[in-house]
Amino acid sequence: MKEVESFLQEKLSNQSVVVAAISGGPDSMVLLHLLLSFAKTHPIKIVCVHVNHNVRKASYKEATKIESYCFKNNIIFEKMVIEDYSNDNFQSEARTKRFKFFQGICEKYKSKYLLTAHHGDDLIETILMRINRGSYLTGYAGFTKEKEIEKVTLLKPLITLTKEQILAFAKSKKLWYAIDKSNKNVKYTRNRFRKYILPFLKRENPDVHLKYLKFSQLLTEANEYVDEETKKQIKKIYKINKLDIKKILNQKEIIQHRIIELILEEIYHEKLHLINDQHFIQIKQMLISKKPNLMINLPDDIIVKKEYDFLFINKNVVEFKQYNIKIKKETILPNGKTIKKINESKDDNNYICRLDSKEINLPLSVRNRQEGDKIIVKGLNGSKKIKDILIDSKIPLEKRNSWPVLVDVTNEVLWLPGLKKSNYNKSIKEKYDIILKYEEEGEKANEKNS
């Protein structure tokens, strides 16, 4: 355990709070115990996050046990119960809902890190499953000890340990933990690898998990180098969901693949595991095909369309047409929301826009974003691309091109309703003679702060 303790020391010594995902199994309870030991000598607050997937009768008792353990040890306890599942892919949907919950808790407590209890055996299983299914550099690497996803840094302190070591430690410390019987059910792919392949590898080399960890690290380093080269080229090849086929085919095959992978990462985020090797093969075949018009469907309702020299990757939704509407007393937008002229408001959030007509060029209008659109953000020096603001604000891909943009007659961007104000916007105490309010599907603007 010394290596784990050293890792915690390295990462958490300067942190005031840490969030840990705790299922109640032996791995996560050992992780929680190690965090408690660390907290005895460091002024750090521990937040335990637990998800009840609502598929086993015992799950509610387990959640109560974990909550009781946290109460006794002065640990903050946050839980979520997944009441229902909307599609047939239970594991995928559960993974997505878990991560969004964890992400929200990290934001709530201002924690830089989210700790999970993945260990060396998990890594071996993941790598073997992806090799068997088909993947590429990122997938074949499995998971890393440290990775940033959407402003949350995931840490896996137990990655250098085996399951046997974790169980032995839990026994020596007399730790309570829950046993999920479904982990032995061989109808699940991972369990088959765990039961039939992992024991053989361990008999050949008891430290095989460390070899797989080294393999993962080498692939990750190789992938980082490929990333650097790819990012130099992608700006020339890909713009607003449109891929230049001639330009990408001029690249080396490994760069071609990584460009497509980066595009899919931007679209799928934590759902990237839905993409496998066969999907990449289909996209590559579209690129080299002499047929001018082709289309394939990807998981999660994403479509890839080839139209002559370009490839388009989008959510399969009805696209909004370009619009440009002059602002009236009440302006109804294509997305069903409204921008209203009002007399006064006590709110000063991003749903309210105050302007001085003497500083802008009337009339005002609202339109879709256009390529290259920038806004001089209020309170910041310099301008920022609207595309980047939409991405940073986690606006779904299918809504970005239709998001309303308020402009004056010179096409100067004055307001990104609900998201950002320009430096033309006035505070309540400043002079203004125009007040606009953005109403989002019946929600009151003052329910969301800027």
Protein backbone atom coordinates (compact mmCIF):
# COMPACT_ATOMS: atom_id res chain seq x y z
CA MET A 1 0.00 0.00 0.00
CA LYS A 2 3.01 2.31 0.27
CA GLU A 3 2.83 3.18 -3.43
CA VAL A 4 -0.84 4.12 -3.08
CA GLU A 5 -0.11 6.22 0.00
CA SER A 6 2.72 8.00 -1.84
CA PHE A 7 0.39 8.74 -4.75
CA LEU A 8 -2.23 10.22 -2.42
CA GLN A 9 0.48 12.29 -0.75
CA GLU A 10 1.66 13.59 -4.12
CA LYS A 11 -1.79 14.53 -5.44
CA LEU A 12 -3.79 15.53 -2.37
CA SER A 13 -1.33 17.26 -0.03
CA ASN A 14 -2.35 20.72 -1.26
CA GLN A 15 -6.06 19.96 -1.67
CA SER A 16 -8.77 21.02 0.80
CA VAL A 17 -11.42 18.61 -0.51
CA VAL A 18 -11.56 15.39 -2.50
CA VAL A 19 -14.48 13.46 -4.00
CA ALA A 20 -14.40 9.64 -4.05
CA ALA A 21 -16.80 7.35 -5.92
CA ILE A 22 -17.77 4.57 -3.50
CA SER A 23 -19.90 1.61 -4.59
CA GLY A 24 -19.56 -0.31 -1.33
CA GLY A 25 -17.51 -3.12 -2.85
CA PRO A 26 -14.14 -4.14 -1.37
CA ASP A 27 -12.15 -1.97 -3.79
CA SER A 28 -13.97 1.26 -3.00
CA MET A 29 -14.13 0.61 0.76
CA VAL A 30 -10.35 0.09 0.80
CA LEU A 31 -9.98 3.36 -1.10
CA LEU A 32 -12.19 5.14 1.43
CA HIS A 33 -10.19 3.65 4.32
CA LEU A 34 -6.92 4.87 2.76
CA LEU A 35 -8.39 8.35 2.31
CA LEU A 36 -9.43 8.40 5.97
CA SER A 37 -5.91 7.44 7.00
CA PHE A 38 -4.55 10.23 4.81
CA ALA A 39 -7.00 12.74 6.31
CA LYS A 40 -5.70 12.01 9.82
CA THR A 41 -2.48 13.84 8.96
CA HIS A 42 -3.83 16.30 6.37
CA PRO A 43 -6.60 18.93 6.66
CA ILE A 44 -8.72 17.56 3.82
CA LYS A 45 -12.48 17.11 3.55
CA ILE A 46 -13.67 13.80 2.03
CA VAL A 47 -16.87 13.66 -0.02
CA CYS A 48 -18.24 10.17 -0.70
CA VAL A 49 -20.46 9.89 -3.79
CA HIS A 50 -22.62 6.79 -4.16
CA VAL A 51 -24.95 5.71 -6.97
CA ASN A 52 -27.74 3.22 -6.36
CA HIS A 53 -28.46 1.66 -9.76
CA ASN A 54 -31.75 0.32 -8.46
CA VAL A 55 -31.34 -3.15 -9.99
CA ARG A 56 -30.63 -5.22 -6.85
CA LYS A 57 -32.75 -5.54 -3.70
CA ALA A 58 -29.64 -5.31 -1.53
CA SER A 59 -28.58 -1.97 -3.01
CA TYR A 60 -30.66 0.13 -0.57
CA LYS A 61 -29.22 -1.66 2.48
CA GLU A 62 -25.72 -1.19 1.06
CA ALA A 63 -26.33 2.53 0.56
CA THR A 64 -27.49 2.82 4.18
CA LYS A 65 -24.36 0.99 5.37
CA ILE A 66 -22.10 3.35 3.42
CA GLU A 67 -23.97 6.40 4.69
CA SER A 68 -23.64 5.15 8.28
CA TYR A 69 -19.91 4.54 7.78
CA CYS A 70 -19.51 8.08 6.45
CA PHE A 71 -21.48 9.58 9.35
CA LYS A 72 -19.29 7.79 11.92
CA ASN A 73 -16.12 8.99 10.20
CA ASN A 74 -17.18 12.58 9.50
CA ILE A 75 -17.32 12.06 5.74
CA ILE A 76 -19.77 14.01 3.57
CA PHE A 77 -22.18 11.59 1.87
CA GLU A 78 -23.91 12.33 -1.43
CA LYS A 79 -26.05 9.77 -3.23
CA MET A 80 -28.14 9.37 -6.36
CA VAL A 81 -30.75 6.72 -7.13
CA ILE A 82 -31.29 5.96 -10.82
CA GLU A 83 -35.06 5.51 -10.90
CA ASP A 84 -35.41 4.29 -14.48
CA TYR A 85 -33.55 3.68 -17.70
CA SER A 86 -34.74 4.98 -21.03
CA ASN A 87 -32.95 2.61 -23.40
CA ASP A 88 -31.79 -0.97 -23.77
CA ASN A 89 -28.11 -0.26 -23.12
CA PHE A 90 -28.21 -0.30 -19.32
CA GLN A 91 -24.45 -0.13 -18.76
CA SER A 92 -23.96 2.78 -21.15
CA GLU A 93 -26.80 4.83 -19.70
CA ALA A 94 -25.76 4.08 -16.11
CA ARG A 95 -22.18 5.14 -16.89
CA THR A 96 -23.37 8.43 -18.40
CA LYS A 97 -25.71 9.25 -15.50
CA ARG A 98 -23.02 8.35 -12.95
CA PHE A 99 -20.45 10.64 -14.50
CA LYS A 100 -22.83 13.60 -14.74
CA PHE A 101 -23.69 13.14 -11.05
CA PHE A 102 -20.03 12.86 -10.04
CA GLN A 103 -19.17 15.88 -12.15
CA GLY A 104 -21.89 17.93 -10.44
CA ILE A 105 -20.66 16.96 -6.96
CA CYS A 106 -17.07 17.91 -7.85
CA GLU A 107 -18.34 21.29 -9.00
CA LYS A 108 -20.50 21.71 -5.89
CA TYR A 109 -17.60 21.12 -3.49
CA LYS A 110 -14.95 22.67 -5.78
CA SER A 111 -12.95 19.45 -5.89
CA LYS A 112 -10.24 19.19 -8.52
CA TYR A 113 -10.12 15.39 -8.26
CA LEU A 114 -12.55 12.51 -8.50
CA LEU A 115 -11.11 9.24 -7.16
CA THR A 116 -12.30 5.83 -8.32
CA ALA A 117 -11.29 2.37 -7.09
CA HIS A 118 -10.25 0.78 -10.39
CA HIS A 119 -7.34 -1.62 -9.86
CA GLY A 120 -4.80 -3.59 -11.88
CA ASP A 121 -7.12 -6.52 -12.63
CA ASP A 122 -9.72 -4.09 -13.99
CA LEU A 123 -7.08 -2.65 -16.32
CA ILE A 124 -6.14 -6.08 -17.71
CA GLU A 125 -9.79 -6.94 -18.33
CA THR A 126 -10.47 -3.62 -20.03
CA ILE A 127 -7.46 -3.87 -22.37
CA LEU A 128 -8.24 -7.48 -23.33
CA MET A 129 -11.91 -6.69 -23.97
CA ARG A 130 -11.01 -3.78 -26.24
CA ILE A 131 -8.45 -5.81 -28.15
CA ASN A 132 -11.09 -8.50 -28.60
CA ARG A 133 -13.75 -6.00 -29.71
CA GLY A 134 -11.43 -3.80 -31.76
CA SER A 135 -10.34 -0.26 -30.92
CA TYR A 136 -7.36 2.04 -31.46
CA LEU A 137 -4.55 3.67 -29.45
CA THR A 138 -6.78 5.42 -26.91
CA GLY A 139 -9.01 2.39 -26.42
CA TYR A 140 -6.23 -0.19 -26.33
CA ALA A 141 -4.54 1.80 -23.54
CA GLY A 142 -7.49 0.97 -21.28
CA PHE A 143 -7.52 3.64 -18.58
CA THR A 144 -4.78 5.68 -16.98
CA LYS A 145 -3.86 6.52 -13.41
CA GLU A 146 -4.75 10.15 -14.06
CA LYS A 147 -6.96 11.67 -16.75
CA GLU A 148 -8.86 14.92 -17.16
CA ILE A 149 -12.40 14.69 -18.54
CA GLU A 150 -14.53 17.81 -18.87
CA LYS A 151 -12.72 19.80 -16.14
CA VAL A 152 -12.67 16.85 -13.69
CA THR A 153 -9.39 15.01 -13.11
CA LEU A 154 -9.95 11.30 -12.53
CA LEU A 155 -7.46 9.55 -10.25
CA LYS A 156 -7.16 5.78 -9.87
CA PRO A 157 -4.83 5.26 -6.88
CA LEU A 158 -5.35 1.46 -6.73
CA ILE A 159 -4.25 0.78 -10.31
CA THR A 160 -0.98 -0.82 -9.13
CA LEU A 161 -2.81 -3.36 -6.92
CA THR A 162 -4.45 -6.69 -7.72
CA LYS A 163 -7.86 -7.77 -6.51
CA GLU A 164 -6.19 -10.32 -4.21
CA GLN A 165 -4.08 -7.61 -2.57
CA ILE A 166 -7.14 -5.43 -2.04
CA LEU A 167 -9.15 -8.27 -0.48
CA ALA A 168 -6.25 -9.21 1.79
CA PHE A 169 -5.93 -5.61 2.98
CA ALA A 170 -9.68 -5.34 3.60
CA LYS A 171 -9.55 -8.54 5.66
CA SER A 172 -6.54 -7.34 7.69
CA LYS A 173 -8.37 -4.11 8.56
CA LYS A 174 -11.69 -5.90 9.14
CA LEU A 175 -13.45 -3.58 6.70
CA TRP A 176 -17.11 -4.02 5.84
CA TYR A 177 -17.87 -4.33 2.15
CA ALA A 178 -20.71 -5.51 -0.04
CA ILE A 179 -20.58 -8.40 -2.48
CA ASP A 180 -22.32 -7.98 -5.82
CA LYS A 181 -23.21 -11.51 -6.95
CA SER A 182 -23.69 -10.35 -10.53
CA ASN A 183 -19.91 -9.94 -10.76
CA LYS A 184 -19.69 -13.73 -11.07
CA ASN A 185 -22.37 -14.07 -13.74
CA VAL A 186 -20.61 -15.19 -16.94
CA LYS A 187 -23.34 -13.82 -19.18
CA TYR A 188 -21.42 -10.53 -18.85
CA THR A 189 -18.35 -10.21 -21.08
CA ARG A 190 -16.08 -8.78 -18.39
CA ASN A 191 -16.90 -11.61 -16.02
CA ARG A 192 -15.91 -14.19 -18.63
CA PHE A 193 -12.53 -12.54 -19.07
CA ARG A 194 -12.19 -12.39 -15.27
CA LYS A 195 -13.04 -16.05 -14.74
CA TYR A 196 -11.39 -17.77 -17.71
CA ILE A 197 -8.47 -15.61 -18.89
CA LEU A 198 -7.19 -13.60 -15.93
CA PRO A 199 -6.25 -16.65 -13.78
CA PHE A 200 -4.15 -18.07 -16.63
CA LEU A 201 -2.24 -14.78 -17.07
CA LYS A 202 -1.58 -14.59 -13.33
CA ARG A 203 -0.26 -18.13 -13.24
CA GLU A 204 2.19 -17.23 -15.99
CA ASN A 205 3.24 -14.03 -14.20
CA PRO A 206 1.86 -12.97 -10.79
CA ASP A 207 2.85 -9.36 -11.58
CA VAL A 208 1.16 -9.34 -14.98
CA HIS A 209 -0.99 -6.35 -13.95
CA LEU A 210 2.18 -4.22 -13.75
CA LYS A 211 3.14 -5.33 -17.27
CA TYR A 212 -0.27 -4.27 -18.55
CA LEU A 213 0.09 -0.97 -16.70
CA LYS A 214 3.41 -0.36 -18.46
CA PHE A 215 1.80 -1.31 -21.78
CA SER A 216 -1.00 1.17 -21.09
CA GLN A 217 1.46 3.94 -20.20
CA LEU A 218 3.51 3.40 -23.38
CA LEU A 219 0.39 3.49 -25.55
CA THR A 220 -0.78 6.64 -23.77
CA GLU A 221 2.58 8.35 -24.43
CA ALA A 222 2.47 7.31 -28.09
CA ASN A 223 -1.08 8.61 -28.32
CA GLU A 224 -0.06 11.96 -26.81
CA TYR A 225 2.61 12.36 -29.50
CA VAL A 226 0.10 11.50 -32.23
CA ASP A 227 -2.28 14.02 -30.64
CA GLU A 228 0.27 16.82 -30.92
CA GLU A 229 0.76 16.12 -34.62
CA THR A 230 -2.97 15.72 -35.20
CA LYS A 231 -3.93 19.02 -33.58
CA LYS A 232 -1.56 20.83 -35.93
CA GLN A 233 -3.50 19.47 -38.90
CA ILE A 234 -7.10 19.31 -37.71
CA LYS A 235 -7.64 23.09 -37.85
CA LYS A 236 -6.92 23.00 -41.59
CA ILE A 237 -9.16 20.00 -42.21
CA TYR A 238 -12.22 20.27 -39.94
CA LYS A 239 -14.53 23.25 -39.37
CA ILE A 240 -18.00 23.28 -37.80
CA ASN A 241 -18.79 19.58 -38.27
CA LYS A 242 -17.43 19.60 -41.85
CA LEU A 243 -14.41 17.48 -42.77
CA ASP A 244 -12.43 18.18 -45.95
CA ILE A 245 -11.98 14.71 -47.51
CA LYS A 246 -9.13 15.60 -49.89
CA LYS A 247 -7.08 17.18 -47.11
CA ILE A 248 -7.54 14.35 -44.62
CA LEU A 249 -6.58 11.73 -47.21
CA ASN A 250 -3.27 13.56 -47.69
CA GLN A 251 -2.37 12.75 -44.08
CA LYS A 252 -0.68 9.59 -42.78
CA GLU A 253 -3.17 6.91 -41.86
CA ILE A 254 -2.49 7.18 -38.11
CA ILE A 255 -3.21 10.94 -38.29
CA GLN A 256 -6.36 10.31 -40.35
CA HIS A 257 -7.63 7.94 -37.69
CA ARG A 258 -6.84 10.27 -34.81
CA ILE A 259 -8.55 13.22 -36.52
CA ILE A 260 -11.74 11.16 -36.77
CA GLU A 261 -11.28 9.99 -33.18
CA LEU A 262 -10.88 13.57 -31.88
CA ILE A 263 -14.01 14.65 -33.75
CA LEU A 264 -15.96 11.76 -32.22
CA GLU A 265 -14.55 12.58 -28.75
CA GLU A 266 -15.94 16.12 -29.09
CA ILE A 267 -19.35 14.71 -30.02
CA TYR A 268 -19.58 11.74 -27.63
CA HIS A 269 -17.56 12.93 -24.59
CA GLU A 270 -17.94 10.22 -21.91
CA LYS A 271 -19.95 8.06 -24.35
CA LEU A 272 -16.95 7.45 -26.62
CA HIS A 273 -16.90 3.80 -25.52
CA LEU A 274 -19.93 3.30 -27.81
CA ILE A 275 -17.59 3.58 -30.82
CA ASN A 276 -15.64 0.50 -31.90
CA ASP A 277 -13.19 -0.45 -34.61
CA GLN A 278 -15.93 -1.31 -37.10
CA HIS A 279 -17.27 2.25 -36.97
CA PHE A 280 -13.84 3.63 -37.88
CA ILE A 281 -13.61 1.18 -40.78
CA GLN A 282 -17.00 2.35 -42.08
CA ILE A 283 -15.97 6.01 -41.90
CA LYS A 284 -12.65 5.28 -43.64
CA GLN A 285 -14.51 3.45 -46.41
CA MET A 286 -16.69 6.53 -46.90
CA LEU A 287 -13.59 8.71 -47.24
CA ILE A 288 -12.02 6.60 -49.99
CA SER A 289 -15.24 5.67 -51.80
CA LYS A 290 -15.79 7.19 -55.25
CA LYS A 291 -19.50 7.53 -54.53
CA PRO A 292 -20.34 11.24 -53.99
CA ASN A 293 -23.20 10.73 -51.51
CA LEU A 294 -23.17 8.25 -48.64
CA MET A 295 -24.55 8.03 -45.11
CA ILE A 296 -24.05 5.76 -42.09
CA ASN A 297 -25.61 5.71 -38.63
CA LEU A 298 -23.44 5.67 -35.51
CA PRO A 299 -24.57 4.86 -31.93
CA ASP A 300 -26.56 7.41 -29.93
CA ASP A 301 -28.31 8.79 -33.02
CA ILE A 302 -25.23 10.30 -34.68
CA ILE A 303 -25.09 10.32 -38.48
CA VAL A 304 -22.11 10.61 -40.83
CA LYS A 305 -22.90 11.99 -44.29
CA LYS A 306 -20.63 12.27 -47.30
CA GLU A 307 -21.51 15.01 -49.77
CA TYR A 308 -18.95 15.14 -52.58
CA ASP A 309 -15.67 16.48 -51.10
CA PHE A 310 -16.90 16.84 -47.52
CA LEU A 311 -17.90 14.60 -44.63
CA PHE A 312 -20.45 15.83 -42.08
CA ILE A 313 -20.79 14.32 -38.58
CA ASN A 314 -23.88 15.47 -36.69
CA LYS A 315 -26.65 14.54 -34.31
CA ASN A 316 -29.51 13.07 -36.32
CA VAL A 317 -31.98 15.88 -35.78
CA VAL A 318 -33.84 18.28 -38.00
CA GLU A 319 -31.42 21.12 -38.58
CA PHE A 320 -32.55 24.71 -38.09
CA LYS A 321 -32.40 26.84 -41.20
CA GLN A 322 -30.47 30.08 -41.09
CA TYR A 323 -32.55 32.87 -39.58
CA ASN A 324 -32.22 36.62 -39.03
CA ILE A 325 -35.13 38.23 -37.19
CA LYS A 326 -35.53 41.91 -36.38
CA ILE A 327 -36.14 42.49 -32.67
CA LYS A 328 -39.70 43.58 -31.86
CA LYS A 329 -41.58 44.04 -28.60
CA GLU A 330 -41.79 40.24 -28.39
CA THR A 331 -39.65 38.14 -30.73
CA ILE A 332 -40.42 34.44 -31.03
CA LEU A 333 -37.35 32.42 -31.98
CA PRO A 334 -37.24 29.22 -34.10
CA ASN A 335 -36.38 27.23 -30.95
CA GLY A 336 -39.71 28.25 -29.38
CA LYS A 337 -38.15 30.66 -26.89
CA THR A 338 -38.64 34.43 -26.83
CA ILE A 339 -36.75 37.69 -26.49
CA LYS A 340 -38.94 40.42 -24.99
CA LYS A 341 -38.47 44.15 -24.58
CA ILE A 342 -39.30 44.95 -20.97
CA ASN A 343 -39.45 48.14 -18.90
CA GLU A 344 -37.43 47.06 -15.88
CA SER A 345 -35.86 44.10 -14.12
CA LYS A 346 -34.01 43.64 -10.86
CA ASP A 347 -32.06 40.74 -12.33
CA ASP A 348 -28.57 41.13 -13.69
CA ASN A 349 -27.90 37.65 -15.07
CA ASN A 350 -27.20 36.39 -18.59
CA TYR A 351 -30.93 36.23 -19.37
CA ILE A 352 -31.18 40.03 -19.14
CA CYS A 353 -29.50 42.44 -21.57
CA ARG A 354 -29.27 46.20 -20.94
CA LEU A 355 -28.05 48.49 -23.74
CA ASP A 356 -27.55 52.19 -24.38
CA SER A 357 -28.95 52.96 -27.85
CA LYS A 358 -26.39 55.76 -28.29
CA GLU A 359 -23.51 53.27 -28.14
CA ILE A 360 -24.84 50.78 -30.69
CA ASN A 361 -26.21 50.85 -34.23
CA LEU A 362 -29.94 50.14 -34.42
CA PRO A 363 -31.98 48.21 -35.41
CA LEU A 364 -31.21 45.06 -33.47
CA SER A 365 -31.73 41.56 -34.81
CA VAL A 366 -31.25 37.98 -33.65
CA ARG A 367 -29.73 35.26 -35.84
CA ASN A 368 -27.87 31.94 -35.84
CA ARG A 369 -24.18 32.00 -35.14
CA GLN A 370 -21.93 32.34 -38.17
CA GLU A 371 -18.48 30.91 -38.74
CA GLY A 372 -15.89 33.15 -37.09
CA ASP A 373 -18.41 34.92 -34.81
CA LYS A 374 -16.74 36.55 -31.80
CA ILE A 375 -17.97 38.53 -28.82
CA ILE A 376 -16.07 40.99 -26.65
CA VAL A 377 -17.08 39.44 -23.32
CA LYS A 378 -18.04 41.86 -20.57
CA GLY A 379 -15.35 41.97 -17.90
CA LEU A 380 -12.66 40.34 -20.04
CA ASN A 381 -9.93 41.81 -22.16
CA GLY A 382 -10.29 40.84 -25.79
CA SER A 383 -12.82 38.76 -27.68
CA LYS A 384 -13.82 35.09 -27.55
CA LYS A 385 -15.20 32.84 -30.26
CA ILE A 386 -18.87 32.06 -29.82
CA LYS A 387 -18.17 28.47 -30.83
CA ASP A 388 -15.79 28.14 -27.84
CA ILE A 389 -18.35 29.68 -25.46
CA LEU A 390 -20.99 27.18 -26.58
CA ILE A 391 -18.57 24.28 -26.08
CA ASP A 392 -17.41 25.57 -22.66
CA SER A 393 -21.07 25.99 -21.65
CA LYS A 394 -21.71 22.34 -22.64
CA ILE A 395 -24.41 23.28 -25.13
CA PRO A 396 -25.34 20.05 -26.98
CA LEU A 397 -23.84 19.77 -30.43
CA GLU A 398 -27.23 19.78 -32.14
CA LYS A 399 -28.17 23.13 -30.52
CA ARG A 400 -24.97 25.09 -31.20
CA ASN A 401 -25.68 26.18 -34.77
CA SER A 402 -29.19 27.38 -33.87
CA TRP A 403 -28.31 29.22 -30.63
CA PRO A 404 -29.55 32.85 -30.81
CA VAL A 405 -27.04 35.66 -31.26
CA LEU A 406 -28.09 39.31 -30.79
CA VAL A 407 -26.40 41.74 -33.21
CA ASP A 408 -26.76 45.35 -34.30
CA VAL A 409 -27.00 46.56 -37.89
CA THR A 410 -23.18 46.39 -38.27
CA ASN A 411 -23.27 42.70 -37.23
CA GLU A 412 -21.53 43.47 -33.92
CA VAL A 413 -22.35 40.70 -31.43
CA LEU A 414 -24.01 42.26 -28.37
CA TRP A 415 -25.36 39.27 -26.46
CA LEU A 416 -25.39 35.49 -26.41
CA PRO A 417 -28.75 35.01 -24.61
CA GLY A 418 -28.51 32.89 -21.49
CA LEU A 419 -24.72 32.53 -21.77
CA LYS A 420 -22.62 35.69 -22.17
CA LYS A 421 -22.93 39.47 -22.38
CA SER A 422 -20.73 41.78 -24.41
CA ASN A 423 -19.01 44.87 -23.07
CA TYR A 424 -21.92 46.92 -24.49
CA ASN A 425 -24.15 45.54 -21.73
CA LYS A 426 -24.86 47.81 -18.79
CA SER A 427 -25.28 47.04 -15.13
CA ILE A 428 -28.38 48.16 -13.22
CA LYS A 429 -26.52 51.24 -11.96
CA GLU A 430 -25.33 52.37 -15.41
CA LYS A 431 -27.18 54.37 -18.05
CA TYR A 432 -29.35 52.35 -20.48
CA ASP A 433 -32.60 52.67 -22.40
CA ILE A 434 -33.10 49.16 -23.80
CA ILE A 435 -33.84 46.06 -21.70
CA LEU A 436 -34.24 42.64 -23.29
CA LYS A 437 -35.21 39.42 -21.55
CA TYR A 438 -34.57 35.89 -22.85
CA GLU A 439 -37.21 33.40 -21.73
CA GLU A 440 -36.20 29.76 -21.91
CA GLU A 441 -39.13 27.37 -22.28
CA GLY A 442 -41.19 28.97 -19.55
CA GLU A 443 -38.36 29.17 -17.04
CA LYS A 444 -37.93 32.45 -15.26
CA ALA A 445 -34.68 34.12 -16.12
CA ASN A 446 -33.88 34.80 -12.50
CA GLU A 447 -33.76 31.07 -11.76
CA LYS A 448 -30.34 30.86 -13.40
CA ASN A 449 -27.47 33.05 -12.42
CA SER A 450 -24.85 34.45 -14.72
